[in-house]
C-alpha atoms as a PDB file:
ATOM      1  CA  MET A   1      23.158  84.575 113.265  1.00  0.00           C
ATOM      2  CA  SER A   2      22.517  85.532 109.567  1.00  0.00           C
ATOM      3  CA  PHE A   3      24.250  83.760 106.567  1.00  0.00           C
ATOM      4  CA  ARG A   4      24.862  84.902 103.297  1.00  0.00           C
ATOM      5  CA  TYR A   5      25.470  83.067 100.079  1.00  0.00           C
ATOM      6  CA  ASP A   6      26.802  83.988  96.833  1.00  0.00           C
ATOM      7  CA  PHE A   7      28.658  81.658  93.749  1.00  0.00           C
ATOM      8  CA  ALA A   8      32.063  81.809  92.955  1.00  0.00           C
ATOM      9  CA  PRO A   9      33.280  79.928  89.808  1.00  0.00           C
ATOM     10  CA  THR A  10      35.804  77.712  89.627  1.00  0.00           C
ATOM     11  CA  PRO A  11      36.399  74.714  86.846  1.00  0.00           C
ATOM     12  CA  PHE A  12      34.411  72.606  88.023  1.00  0.00           C
ATOM     13  CA  GLY A  13      31.702  75.061  87.781  1.00  0.00           C
ATOM     14  CA  ASP A  14      29.946  77.366  90.154  1.00  0.00           C
ATOM     15  CA  ALA A  15      30.352  76.786  93.846  1.00  0.00           C
ATOM     16  CA  LEU A  16      28.356  77.670  96.711  1.00  0.00           C
ATOM     17  CA  ALA A  17      30.018  79.885  99.257  1.00  0.00           C
ATOM     18  CA  VAL A  18      28.235  80.926 102.375  1.00  0.00           C
ATOM     19  CA  TYR A  19      29.383  82.894 105.379  1.00  0.00           C
ATOM     20  CA  SER A  20      28.794  83.813 108.613  1.00  0.00           C
ATOM     21  CA  GLN A  21      29.698  87.028 110.283  1.00  0.00           C
ATOM     22  CA  ASP A  22      32.616  85.343 111.757  1.00  0.00           C
ATOM     23  CA  GLY A  23      34.090  83.556 108.021  1.00  0.00           C
ATOM     24  CA  ILE A  24      33.165  81.151 105.206  1.00  0.00           C
ATOM     25  CA  VAL A  25      31.037  78.615 106.713  1.00  0.00           C
ATOM     26  CA  SER A  26      30.523  76.371 103.488  1.00  0.00           C
ATOM     27  CA  PHE A  27      32.183  76.231 100.151  1.00  0.00           C
ATOM     28  CA  ASP A  28      30.573  73.421  97.910  1.00  0.00           C
ATOM     29  CA  LEU A  29      30.558  72.560  94.307  1.00  0.00           C
ATOM     30  CA  SER A  30      27.923  71.806  92.703  1.00  0.00           C
ATOM     31  CA  GLU A  31      27.118  68.481  90.730  1.00  0.00           C
ATOM     32  CA  SER A  32      24.393  70.518  88.205  1.00  0.00           C
ATOM     33  CA  GLU A  33      24.690  72.503  85.359  1.00  0.00           C
ATOM     34  CA  ASP A  34      22.306  75.166  87.525  1.00  0.00           C
ATOM     35  CA  PRO A  35      24.080  75.643  90.500  1.00  0.00           C
ATOM     36  CA  GLY A  36      20.938  77.850  92.577  1.00  0.00           C
ATOM     37  CA  VAL A  37      19.025  74.447  92.595  1.00  0.00           C
ATOM     38  CA  PRO A  38      17.171  73.917  95.579  1.00  0.00           C
ATOM     39  CA  TRP A  39      18.690  70.974  97.034  1.00  0.00           C
ATOM     40  CA  LEU A  40      22.044  72.994  97.027  1.00  0.00           C
ATOM     41  CA  LEU A  41      20.543  75.056  99.177  1.00  0.00           C
ATOM     42  CA  GLU A  42      18.555  73.231 101.095  1.00  0.00           C
ATOM     43  CA  GLY A  43      21.775  70.969 102.583  1.00  0.00           C
ATOM     44  CA  VAL A  44      23.473  73.669 103.670  1.00  0.00           C
ATOM     45  CA  SER A  45      20.268  74.888 105.225  1.00  0.00           C
ATOM     46  CA  ARG A  46      20.133  72.061 107.097  1.00  0.00           C
ATOM     47  CA  ARG A  47      23.370  72.301 108.383  1.00  0.00           C
ATOM     48  CA  LEU A  48      23.149  75.708 109.609  1.00  0.00           C
ATOM     49  CA  GLY A  49      19.105  75.759 110.524  1.00  0.00           C
ATOM     50  CA  GLN A  50      18.533  78.206 108.079  1.00  0.00           C
ATOM     51  CA  VAL A  51      18.044  79.358 104.495  1.00  0.00           C
ATOM     52  CA  PRO A  52      21.574  81.805 103.756  1.00  0.00           C
ATOM     53  CA  GLU A  53      20.611  84.947 102.196  1.00  0.00           C
ATOM     54  CA  HIS A  54      21.817  85.791  98.388  1.00  0.00           C
ATOM     55  CA  SER A  55      24.220  88.474  98.772  1.00  0.00           C
ATOM     56  CA  PRO A  56      25.649  89.469  95.304  1.00  0.00           C
ATOM     57  CA  GLY A  57      29.268  89.880  95.504  1.00  0.00           C
ATOM     58  CA  VAL A  58      29.848  88.547  98.602  1.00  0.00           C
ATOM     59  CA  ALA A  59      32.260  85.882  97.663  1.00  0.00           C
ATOM     60  CA  ASP A  60      34.754  88.093  95.099  1.00  0.00           C
ATOM     61  CA  GLU A  61      37.714  87.966  97.316  1.00  0.00           C
ATOM     62  CA  LEU A  62      37.260  84.195  97.208  1.00  0.00           C
ATOM     63  CA  SER A  63      36.777  84.332  93.862  1.00  0.00           C
ATOM     64  CA  ALA A  64      40.012  86.158  92.950  1.00  0.00           C
ATOM     65  CA  LEU A  65      41.614  84.025  95.228  1.00  0.00           C
ATOM     66  CA  LEU A  66      40.306  80.795  93.564  1.00  0.00           C
ATOM     67  CA  ALA A  67      41.625  82.280  90.320  1.00  0.00           C
ATOM     68  CA  ALA A  68      44.879  82.576  91.185  1.00  0.00           C
ATOM     69  CA  TYR A  69      44.600  79.354  92.557  1.00  0.00           C
ATOM     70  CA  PHE A  70      44.007  77.809  89.061  1.00  0.00           C
ATOM     71  CA  ASP A  71      46.340  80.267  87.518  1.00  0.00           C
ATOM     72  CA  GLY A  72      48.764  78.272  89.222  1.00  0.00           C
ATOM     73  CA  GLU A  73      49.652  80.271  92.460  1.00  0.00           C
ATOM     74  CA  PRO A  74      49.976  78.865  96.035  1.00  0.00           C
ATOM     75  CA  ILE A  75      47.168  79.900  97.718  1.00  0.00           C
ATOM     76  CA  ARG A  76      46.557  79.010 101.399  1.00  0.00           C
ATOM     77  CA  PHE A  77      42.943  79.139 101.705  1.00  0.00           C
ATOM     78  CA  ASP A  78      42.926  79.515 105.504  1.00  0.00           C
ATOM     79  CA  GLU A  79      45.411  82.098 106.104  1.00  0.00           C
ATOM     80  CA  ARG A  80      43.761  84.612 103.516  1.00  0.00           C
ATOM     81  CA  VAL A  81      40.309  83.640 104.258  1.00  0.00           C
ATOM     82  CA  PRO A  82      38.758  83.647 107.580  1.00  0.00           C
ATOM     83  CA  PHE A  83      37.007  80.169 108.085  1.00  0.00           C
ATOM     84  CA  ASP A  84      34.304  79.830 110.187  1.00  0.00           C
ATOM     85  CA  TRP A  85      34.457  75.896 111.347  1.00  0.00           C
ATOM     86  CA  ARG A  86      30.723  75.412 113.223  1.00  0.00           C
ATOM     87  CA  ALA A  87      29.687  72.860 110.765  1.00  0.00           C
ATOM     88  CA  VAL A  88      32.767  70.698 111.644  1.00  0.00           C
ATOM     89  CA  GLY A  89      33.485  69.129 115.091  1.00  0.00           C
ATOM     90  CA  GLY A  90      35.801  66.967 116.953  1.00  0.00           C
ATOM     91  CA  PHE A  91      38.186  64.887 115.196  1.00  0.00           C
ATOM     92  CA  ALA A  92      36.786  65.716 111.262  1.00  0.00           C
ATOM     93  CA  ARG A  93      37.901  69.671 112.038  1.00  0.00           C
ATOM     94  CA  SER A  94      41.462  68.848 113.693  1.00  0.00           C
ATOM     95  CA  ALA A  95      41.759  66.244 110.594  1.00  0.00           C
ATOM     96  CA  LEU A  96      40.729  69.379 108.265  1.00  0.00           C
ATOM     97  CA  GLN A  97      42.841  71.497 109.888  1.00  0.00           C
ATOM     98  CA  ALA A  98      45.595  69.433 109.824  1.00  0.00           C
ATOM     99  CA  VAL A  99      45.084  69.136 106.154  1.00  0.00           C
ATOM    100  CA  CYS A 100      45.306  72.812 105.746  1.00  0.00           C
ATOM    101  CA  ALA A 101      48.699  73.084 106.523  1.00  0.00           C
ATOM    102  CA  ILE A 102      49.505  69.986 103.733  1.00  0.00           C
ATOM    103  CA  PRO A 103      52.279  72.521 101.384  1.00  0.00           C
ATOM    104  CA  TRP A 104      51.312  72.913  98.395  1.00  0.00           C
ATOM    105  CA  ALA A 105      51.968  70.630  95.640  1.00  0.00           C
ATOM    106  CA  GLU A 106      53.015  67.814  98.635  1.00  0.00           C
ATOM    107  CA  THR A 107      50.569  65.082  99.728  1.00  0.00           C
ATOM    108  CA  MET A 108      50.101  62.957 102.671  1.00  0.00           C
ATOM    109  CA  SER A 109      48.680  59.673 103.522  1.00  0.00           C
ATOM    110  CA  TYR A 110      45.239  59.911 105.388  1.00  0.00           C
ATOM    111  CA  GLY A 111      47.384  57.862 108.000  1.00  0.00           C
ATOM    112  CA  GLU A 112      49.602  60.850 108.073  1.00  0.00           C
ATOM    113  CA  VAL A 113      47.342  63.177 108.343  1.00  0.00           C
ATOM    114  CA  ALA A 114      45.778  61.299 111.869  1.00  0.00           C
ATOM    115  CA  VAL A 115      48.743  61.442 113.649  1.00  0.00           C
ATOM    116  CA  ILE A 116      49.016  65.222 113.052  1.00  0.00           C
ATOM    117  CA  ALA A 117      45.553  65.704 113.533  1.00  0.00           C
ATOM    118  CA  GLY A 118      46.216  63.292 116.992  1.00  0.00           C
ATOM    119  CA  SER A 119      44.271  60.225 116.716  1.00  0.00           C
ATOM    120  CA  PRO A 120      46.520  57.934 115.236  1.00  0.00           C
ATOM    121  CA  GLY A 121      45.068  55.318 113.614  1.00  0.00           C
ATOM    122  CA  ALA A 122      42.174  57.287 112.781  1.00  0.00           C
ATOM    123  CA  ALA A 123      43.093  57.129 109.023  1.00  0.00           C
ATOM    124  CA  ARG A 124      39.346  56.213 107.669  1.00  0.00           C
ATOM    125  CA  ALA A 125      38.236  58.779 109.858  1.00  0.00           C
ATOM    126  CA  VAL A 126      40.559  61.200 107.918  1.00  0.00           C
ATOM    127  CA  GLY A 127      38.957  60.332 105.192  1.00  0.00           C
ATOM    128  CA  THR A 128      35.205  60.387 106.202  1.00  0.00           C
ATOM    129  CA  ALA A 129      36.317  64.174 107.411  1.00  0.00           C
ATOM    130  CA  CYS A 130      37.967  64.653 104.053  1.00  0.00           C
ATOM    131  CA  ARG A 131      34.379  63.201 101.933  1.00  0.00           C
ATOM    132  CA  LEU A 132      32.025  65.114 104.339  1.00  0.00           C
ATOM    133  CA  THR A 133      34.399  68.554 103.794  1.00  0.00           C
ATOM    134  CA  PRO A 134      32.220  71.568 104.261  1.00  0.00           C
ATOM    135  CA  PHE A 135      35.003  73.182 102.338  1.00  0.00           C
ATOM    136  CA  SER A 136      35.488  71.543  98.866  1.00  0.00           C
ATOM    137  CA  VAL A 137      39.158  72.660  97.287  1.00  0.00           C
ATOM    138  CA  ILE A 138      39.728  75.635  99.888  1.00  0.00           C
ATOM    139  CA  VAL A 139      40.723  73.004 102.411  1.00  0.00           C
ATOM    140  CA  PRO A 140      43.309  70.953 100.181  1.00  0.00           C
ATOM    141  CA  VAL A 141      41.185  67.324 100.657  1.00  0.00           C
ATOM    142  CA  HIS A 142      42.830  66.557  97.347  1.00  0.00           C
ATOM    143  CA  ARG A 143      46.516  66.429  99.139  1.00  0.00           C
ATOM    144  CA  VAL A 144      45.651  63.566 100.791  1.00  0.00           C
ATOM    145  CA  ILE A 145      46.393  60.148  99.112  1.00  0.00           C
ATOM    146  CA  ARG A 146      46.771  56.291 100.310  1.00  0.00           C
ATOM    147  CA  SER A 147      49.156  54.998 101.955  1.00  0.00           C
ATOM    148  CA  ASP A 148      50.563  53.286  98.216  1.00  0.00           C
ATOM    149  CA  GLY A 149      50.454  56.849  96.920  1.00  0.00           C
ATOM    150  CA  THR A 150      47.410  56.568  94.777  1.00  0.00           C
ATOM    151  CA  PRO A 151      45.190  59.379  94.814  1.00  0.00           C
ATOM    152  CA  GLY A 152      42.117  57.780  95.850  1.00  0.00           C
ATOM    153  CA  HIS A 153      38.691  59.103  94.965  1.00  0.00           C
ATOM    154  CA  TYR A 154      37.428  62.951  95.623  1.00  0.00           C
ATOM    155  CA  GLY A 155      33.672  62.426  96.389  1.00  0.00           C
ATOM    156  CA  ALA A 156      32.128  61.119  93.508  1.00  0.00           C
ATOM    157  CA  HIS A 157      34.705  62.581  91.211  1.00  0.00           C
ATOM    158  CA  PRO A 158      38.385  61.603  91.077  1.00  0.00           C
ATOM    159  CA  GLU A 159      39.114  63.253  88.266  1.00  0.00           C
ATOM    160  CA  ARG A 160      38.670  66.571  90.261  1.00  0.00           C
ATOM    161  CA  LYS A 161      41.434  65.369  92.175  1.00  0.00           C
ATOM    162  CA  ARG A 162      43.923  64.179  89.826  1.00  0.00           C
ATOM    163  CA  PHE A 163      43.353  67.598  88.149  1.00  0.00           C
ATOM    164  CA  LEU A 164      43.872  69.491  91.231  1.00  0.00           C
ATOM    165  CA  LEU A 165      47.240  67.601  91.977  1.00  0.00           C
ATOM    166  CA  ASP A 166      48.499  67.612  88.626  1.00  0.00           C
ATOM    167  CA  LEU A 167      47.774  71.447  89.017  1.00  0.00           C
ATOM    168  CA  GLU A 168      49.485  72.051  91.810  1.00  0.00           C
ATOM    169  CA  ARG A 169      52.575  69.268  90.348  1.00  0.00           C
ATOM    170  CA  GLU A 170      53.026  71.610  87.242  1.00  0.00           C
ATOM    171  CA  ALA A 171      52.970  75.148  88.380  1.00  0.00           C
ATOM    172  CA  ALA A 172      55.232  73.871  91.194  1.00  0.00           C
ATOM    173  CA  SER A 173      57.840  72.496  88.316  1.00  0.00           C
ATOM    174  CA  ALA A 174      57.316  75.109  86.107  1.00  0.00           C
ATOM    175  CA  SER A 175      58.819  77.838  88.995  1.00  0.00           C
END
Protein backbone atom coordinates (compact mmCIF):
# COMPACT_ATOMS: atom_id res chain seq x y z
CA MET A 1 0.00 0.00 0.00
CA SER A 2 1.34 3.41 -0.88
CA PHE A 3 0.24 6.80 0.41
CA ARG A 4 0.30 10.19 -1.30
CA TYR A 5 -0.02 13.66 0.12
CA ASP A 6 -0.53 17.28 -0.81
CA PHE A 7 -1.71 20.40 0.96
CA ALA A 8 -5.18 21.97 0.89
CA PRO A 9 -5.79 25.60 1.87
CA THR A 10 -8.07 26.53 4.76
CA PRO A 11 -8.60 29.82 6.62
CA PHE A 12 -6.40 28.30 9.34
CA GLY A 13 -3.52 27.67 6.97
CA ASP A 14 -2.64 24.77 4.72
CA ALA A 15 -3.69 21.31 5.85
CA LEU A 16 -1.89 18.08 5.05
CA ALA A 17 -4.15 15.72 3.07
CA VAL A 18 -2.94 12.11 2.86
CA TYR A 19 -4.54 9.54 0.59
CA SER A 20 -4.42 5.79 0.02
CA GLN A 21 -5.89 4.20 -3.08
CA ASP A 22 -9.10 3.78 -1.02
CA GLY A 23 -9.54 7.45 -0.08
CA ILE A 24 -8.40 10.12 2.31
CA VAL A 25 -6.58 8.70 5.33
CA SER A 26 -5.70 11.91 7.14
CA PHE A 27 -6.43 15.63 7.00
CA ASP A 28 -4.32 17.51 9.52
CA LEU A 29 -4.22 21.22 10.14
CA SER A 30 -0.74 22.52 10.68
CA GLU A 31 0.23 24.12 13.95
CA SER A 32 3.02 25.96 12.16
CA GLU A 33 3.44 28.69 9.57
CA ASP A 34 5.30 26.11 7.46
CA PRO A 35 3.00 23.10 6.89
CA GLY A 36 5.80 21.17 5.22
CA VAL A 37 7.84 20.86 8.40
CA PRO A 38 9.10 17.31 8.92
CA TRP A 39 7.23 16.75 12.21
CA LEU A 40 3.85 17.00 10.47
CA LEU A 41 4.76 14.20 8.09
CA GLU A 42 6.42 12.27 10.91
CA GLY A 43 3.16 11.98 12.84
CA VAL A 44 1.27 10.71 9.80
CA SER A 45 4.12 8.40 8.83
CA ARG A 46 4.12 6.87 12.33
CA ARG A 47 0.38 6.22 12.13
CA LEU A 48 0.61 4.70 8.65
CA GLY A 49 3.90 2.87 9.05
CA GLN A 50 5.49 4.61 6.06
CA VAL A 51 6.28 8.04 4.67
CA PRO A 52 3.72 9.20 2.11
CA GLU A 53 4.97 10.45 -1.25
CA HIS A 54 4.34 14.06 -2.26
CA SER A 55 1.81 14.09 -5.10
CA PRO A 56 0.93 17.65 -6.15
CA GLY A 57 -2.71 17.92 -7.17
CA VAL A 58 -3.94 14.88 -5.26
CA ALA A 59 -5.95 17.19 -2.97
CA ASP A 60 -7.44 19.39 -5.72
CA GLU A 61 -10.97 17.99 -5.43
CA LEU A 62 -10.90 18.33 -1.65
CA SER A 63 -9.52 21.86 -1.97
CA ALA A 64 -12.46 22.82 -4.19
CA LEU A 65 -14.93 21.33 -1.68
CA LEU A 66 -13.21 23.16 1.18
CA ALA A 67 -13.44 26.45 -0.72
CA ALA A 68 -17.17 25.90 -1.21
CA TYR A 69 -17.59 24.95 2.45
CA PHE A 70 -15.77 28.05 3.66
CA ASP A 71 -17.93 30.12 1.29
CA GLY A 72 -20.97 28.85 3.20
CA GLU A 73 -22.09 25.87 1.13
CA PRO A 74 -23.35 22.95 3.27
CA ILE A 75 -20.84 20.29 2.23
CA ARG A 76 -21.00 16.84 3.79
CA PHE A 77 -17.45 15.68 3.05
CA ASP A 78 -18.01 11.98 3.76
CA GLU A 79 -20.61 11.90 0.96
CA ARG A 80 -18.30 13.63 -1.54
CA VAL A 81 -14.83 12.28 -0.73
CA PRO A 82 -14.06 8.61 -0.10
CA PHE A 83 -12.74 8.14 3.44
CA ASP A 84 -10.21 5.45 4.35
CA TRP A 85 -10.84 4.86 8.05
CA ARG A 86 -7.77 2.63 8.61
CA ALA A 87 -6.25 5.05 11.15
CA VAL A 88 -9.35 4.93 13.38
CA GLY A 89 -10.70 1.81 15.04
CA GLY A 90 -13.26 0.62 17.54
CA PHE A 91 -15.59 3.03 19.24
CA ALA A 92 -13.64 6.05 17.97
CA ARG A 93 -14.58 5.12 14.40
CA SER A 94 -18.24 4.64 15.35
CA ALA A 95 -18.24 7.99 17.12
CA LEU A 96 -16.62 9.87 14.23
CA GLN A 97 -18.95 8.25 11.71
CA ALA A 98 -21.89 9.35 13.88
CA VAL A 99 -20.45 12.88 13.95
CA CYS A 100 -20.46 12.90 10.13
CA ALA A 101 -24.26 12.62 10.22
CA ILE A 102 -24.76 15.79 12.30
CA PRO A 103 -26.52 18.15 9.89
CA TRP A 104 -24.95 21.41 8.71
CA ALA A 105 -25.31 24.24 11.25
CA GLU A 106 -26.65 21.88 13.95
CA THR A 107 -24.93 20.53 17.03
CA MET A 108 -25.11 17.52 19.32
CA SER A 109 -23.67 16.93 22.75
CA TYR A 110 -20.92 14.42 23.36
CA GLY A 111 -23.48 12.28 25.18
CA GLU A 112 -25.94 12.37 22.28
CA VAL A 113 -23.20 11.26 19.89
CA ALA A 114 -22.30 8.42 22.29
CA VAL A 115 -25.90 7.17 22.17
CA ILE A 116 -25.99 7.28 18.35
CA ALA A 117 -22.59 5.53 18.20
CA GLY A 118 -24.03 2.70 20.30
CA SER A 119 -22.39 3.36 23.68
CA PRO A 120 -24.59 5.46 25.96
CA GLY A 121 -22.48 6.85 28.75
CA ALA A 122 -19.34 7.08 26.60
CA ALA A 123 -19.39 10.88 26.25
CA ARG A 124 -15.74 11.15 27.33
CA ALA A 125 -14.73 8.59 24.71
CA VAL A 126 -16.54 10.69 22.09
CA GLY A 127 -14.55 13.70 23.27
CA THR A 128 -11.33 11.74 22.92
CA ALA A 129 -12.30 10.57 19.42
CA CYS A 130 -13.08 14.15 18.41
CA ARG A 131 -9.81 15.44 19.86
CA LEU A 132 -7.74 12.75 18.14
CA THR A 133 -9.56 12.62 14.81
CA PRO A 134 -7.27 12.26 11.81
CA PHE A 135 -9.90 14.16 9.79
CA SER A 136 -9.84 17.73 11.06
CA VAL A 137 -12.67 19.90 9.67
CA ILE A 138 -13.90 17.30 7.14
CA VAL A 139 -15.35 15.21 9.96
CA PRO A 140 -17.33 17.99 11.66
CA VAL A 141 -16.22 17.44 15.24
CA HIS A 142 -16.76 21.16 15.74
CA ARG A 143 -20.51 20.37 15.81
CA VAL A 144 -20.08 18.33 18.99
CA ILE A 145 -20.61 20.51 22.04
CA ARG A 146 -20.89 20.20 25.79
CA SER A 147 -24.19 19.18 27.36
CA ASP A 148 -24.60 22.71 28.77
CA GLY A 149 -24.63 24.09 25.21
CA THR A 150 -21.17 25.67 25.32
CA PRO A 151 -18.79 24.85 22.48
CA GLY A 152 -15.92 23.42 24.47
CA HIS A 153 -12.50 23.04 22.92
CA TYR A 154 -11.19 22.11 19.48
CA GLY A 155 -7.81 20.68 20.22
CA ALA A 156 -5.67 23.61 21.26
CA HIS A 157 -7.74 26.00 19.15
CA PRO A 158 -11.22 26.74 20.56
CA GLU A 159 -11.31 29.84 18.32
CA ARG A 160 -11.34 27.54 15.29
CA LYS A 161 -14.38 25.71 16.65
CA ARG A 162 -16.19 29.00 17.22
CA PHE A 163 -15.23 30.15 13.69
CA LEU A 164 -16.66 26.96 12.12
CA LEU A 165 -19.86 27.05 14.20
CA ASP A 166 -20.38 30.74 13.37
CA LEU A 167 -19.67 30.15 9.67
CA GLU A 168 -22.34 27.46 9.44
CA ARG A 169 -24.88 29.33 11.58
CA GLU A 170 -24.49 32.55 9.58
CA ALA A 171 -24.65 30.78 6.21
CA ALA A 172 -27.75 28.84 7.29
CA SER A 173 -29.54 31.98 8.48
CA ALA A 174 -28.69 33.80 5.24
CA SER A 175 -30.34 31.15 3.08
